[in-house]
Amino acid sequence: MELHPGRPALLLVAGEDDLDMCELSLDQTRLTMRQGAEITLRDFEIEWQRNGGGPRQYQAKMYQEQHSNQ
C-alpha cells in the first residue's frame, strides 16, 4: 500500500502486482532507520481496509490458500 497526501491510496497485492512494487529492499529504502516508520499488522489491516482493501487481500489468492492449508 502506498499512501501519499492528496492522492488516493494505491493498494498493491503481493503475487499479482509485483512489477508495480518498489524494487528496493527494506534496508535500501532506509525505512528501518526512520523512527515511526514501523507499523503493526493490526494497524496495517485497519489502514488497508479503510482505503478499500478487503481483509487479508494484500496477498494473491495462491498465497492465501497455501497458508490456510497449513
C-alpha atoms as a PDB file:
ATOM      1  CA  MET A   1       0.000   0.000   0.000  1.00  0.00           C
ATOM      2  CA  GLU A   2       1.321   3.408  -0.946  1.00  0.00           C
ATOM      3  CA  LEU A   3      -0.057   6.466   0.808  1.00  0.00           C
ATOM      4  CA  HIS A   4       0.585   9.974  -0.491  1.00  0.00           C
ATOM      5  CA  PRO A   5      -1.045  13.191   0.761  1.00  0.00           C
ATOM      6  CA  GLY A   6      -3.799  14.440  -1.526  1.00  0.00           C
ATOM      7  CA  ARG A   7      -3.980  11.240  -3.606  1.00  0.00           C
ATOM      8  CA  PRO A   8      -5.979   8.042  -3.237  1.00  0.00           C
ATOM      9  CA  ALA A   9      -4.168   5.086  -1.680  1.00  0.00           C
ATOM     10  CA  LEU A  10      -2.545   2.630  -4.060  1.00  0.00           C
ATOM     11  CA  LEU A  11      -3.374  -0.926  -2.974  1.00  0.00           C
ATOM     12  CA  LEU A  12      -0.898  -3.476  -4.336  1.00  0.00           C
ATOM     13  CA  VAL A  13      -1.336  -7.236  -3.947  1.00  0.00           C
ATOM     14  CA  ALA A  14       1.710  -9.464  -3.419  1.00  0.00           C
ATOM     15  CA  GLY A  15       1.961 -12.067  -6.149  1.00  0.00           C
ATOM     16  CA  GLU A  16      -0.211 -10.070  -8.543  1.00  0.00           C
ATOM     17  CA  ASP A  17       1.164  -6.512  -8.621  1.00  0.00           C
ATOM     18  CA  ASP A  18       4.831  -7.372  -8.042  1.00  0.00           C
ATOM     19  CA  LEU A  19       6.030  -5.480 -11.123  1.00  0.00           C
ATOM     20  CA  ASP A  20       4.450  -2.282  -9.795  1.00  0.00           C
ATOM     21  CA  MET A  21       6.081  -2.559  -6.362  1.00  0.00           C
ATOM     22  CA  CYS A  22       9.276  -0.915  -5.200  1.00  0.00           C
ATOM     23  CA  GLU A  23      12.326  -2.962  -6.189  1.00  0.00           C
ATOM     24  CA  LEU A  24      14.393  -1.721  -3.243  1.00  0.00           C
ATOM     25  CA  SER A  25      14.939  -3.840  -0.173  1.00  0.00           C
ATOM     26  CA  LEU A  26      13.620  -2.541   3.137  1.00  0.00           C
ATOM     27  CA  ASP A  27      17.184  -1.608   4.159  1.00  0.00           C
ATOM     28  CA  GLN A  28      17.744   0.247   0.880  1.00  0.00           C
ATOM     29  CA  THR A  29      14.659   2.400   1.491  1.00  0.00           C
ATOM     30  CA  ARG A  30      16.176   3.345   4.876  1.00  0.00           C
ATOM     31  CA  LEU A  31      12.767   2.881   6.483  1.00  0.00           C
ATOM     32  CA  THR A  32      14.435   0.642   9.075  1.00  0.00           C
ATOM     33  CA  MET A  33      16.352   3.701  10.301  1.00  0.00           C
ATOM     34  CA  ARG A  34      13.376   6.066  10.244  1.00  0.00           C
ATOM     35  CA  GLN A  35      11.738   6.448  13.632  1.00  0.00           C
ATOM     36  CA  GLY A  36       7.984   5.916  13.473  1.00  0.00           C
ATOM     37  CA  ALA A  37       8.050   4.093  10.122  1.00  0.00           C
ATOM     38  CA  GLU A  38       7.101   0.751  11.653  1.00  0.00           C
ATOM     39  CA  ILE A  39       3.509  -0.491  11.629  1.00  0.00           C
ATOM     40  CA  THR A  40       1.848  -3.404  13.350  1.00  0.00           C
ATOM     41  CA  LEU A  41      -0.126  -5.992  11.406  1.00  0.00           C
ATOM     42  CA  ARG A  42      -3.305  -4.823  13.144  1.00  0.00           C
ATOM     43  CA  ASP A  43      -2.714  -1.167  12.201  1.00  0.00           C
ATOM     44  CA  PHE A  44      -1.861  -2.172   8.618  1.00  0.00           C
ATOM     45  CA  GLU A  45      -5.109  -4.158   8.364  1.00  0.00           C
ATOM     46  CA  ILE A  46      -7.072  -1.145   9.621  1.00  0.00           C
ATOM     47  CA  GLU A  47      -5.456   1.212   7.081  1.00  0.00           C
ATOM     48  CA  TRP A  48      -5.772  -1.348   4.272  1.00  0.00           C
ATOM     49  CA  GLN A  49      -9.497  -1.777   4.874  1.00  0.00           C
ATOM     50  CA  ARG A  50     -10.029   1.959   5.442  1.00  0.00           C
ATOM     51  CA  ASN A  51      -8.593   2.516   1.951  1.00  0.00           C
ATOM     52  CA  GLY A  52     -10.857  -0.021   0.250  1.00  0.00           C
ATOM     53  CA  GLY A  53      -8.978  -3.302   0.607  1.00  0.00           C
ATOM     54  CA  GLY A  54     -10.669  -6.413   1.897  1.00  0.00           C
ATOM     55  CA  PRO A  55      -9.387  -8.397   4.881  1.00  0.00           C
ATOM     56  CA  ARG A  56      -6.058 -10.057   4.005  1.00  0.00           C
ATOM     57  CA  GLN A  57      -6.461  -9.216   0.292  1.00  0.00           C
ATOM     58  CA  TYR A  58      -2.894  -7.898   0.050  1.00  0.00           C
ATOM     59  CA  GLN A  59      -1.721 -11.431  -0.774  1.00  0.00           C
ATOM     60  CA  ALA A  60      -2.552 -13.204  -4.014  1.00  0.00           C
ATOM     61  CA  LYS A  61      -5.123 -15.972  -3.648  1.00  0.00           C
ATOM     62  CA  MET A  62      -2.433 -18.630  -4.163  1.00  0.00           C
ATOM     63  CA  TYR A  63      -0.642 -17.385  -1.020  1.00  0.00           C
ATOM     64  CA  GLN A  64      -3.864 -17.223   0.978  1.00  0.00           C
ATOM     65  CA  GLU A  65      -4.676 -20.826   0.021  1.00  0.00           C
ATOM     66  CA  GLN A  66      -1.175 -22.037   0.975  1.00  0.00           C
ATOM     67  CA  HIS A  67      -1.452 -20.526   4.459  1.00  0.00           C
ATOM     68  CA  SER A  68      -4.960 -21.864   5.043  1.00  0.00           C
ATOM     69  CA  ASN A  69      -3.814 -25.407   4.218  1.00  0.00           C
ATOM     70  CA  GLN A  70      -1.021 -25.383   6.809  1.00  0.00           C
END
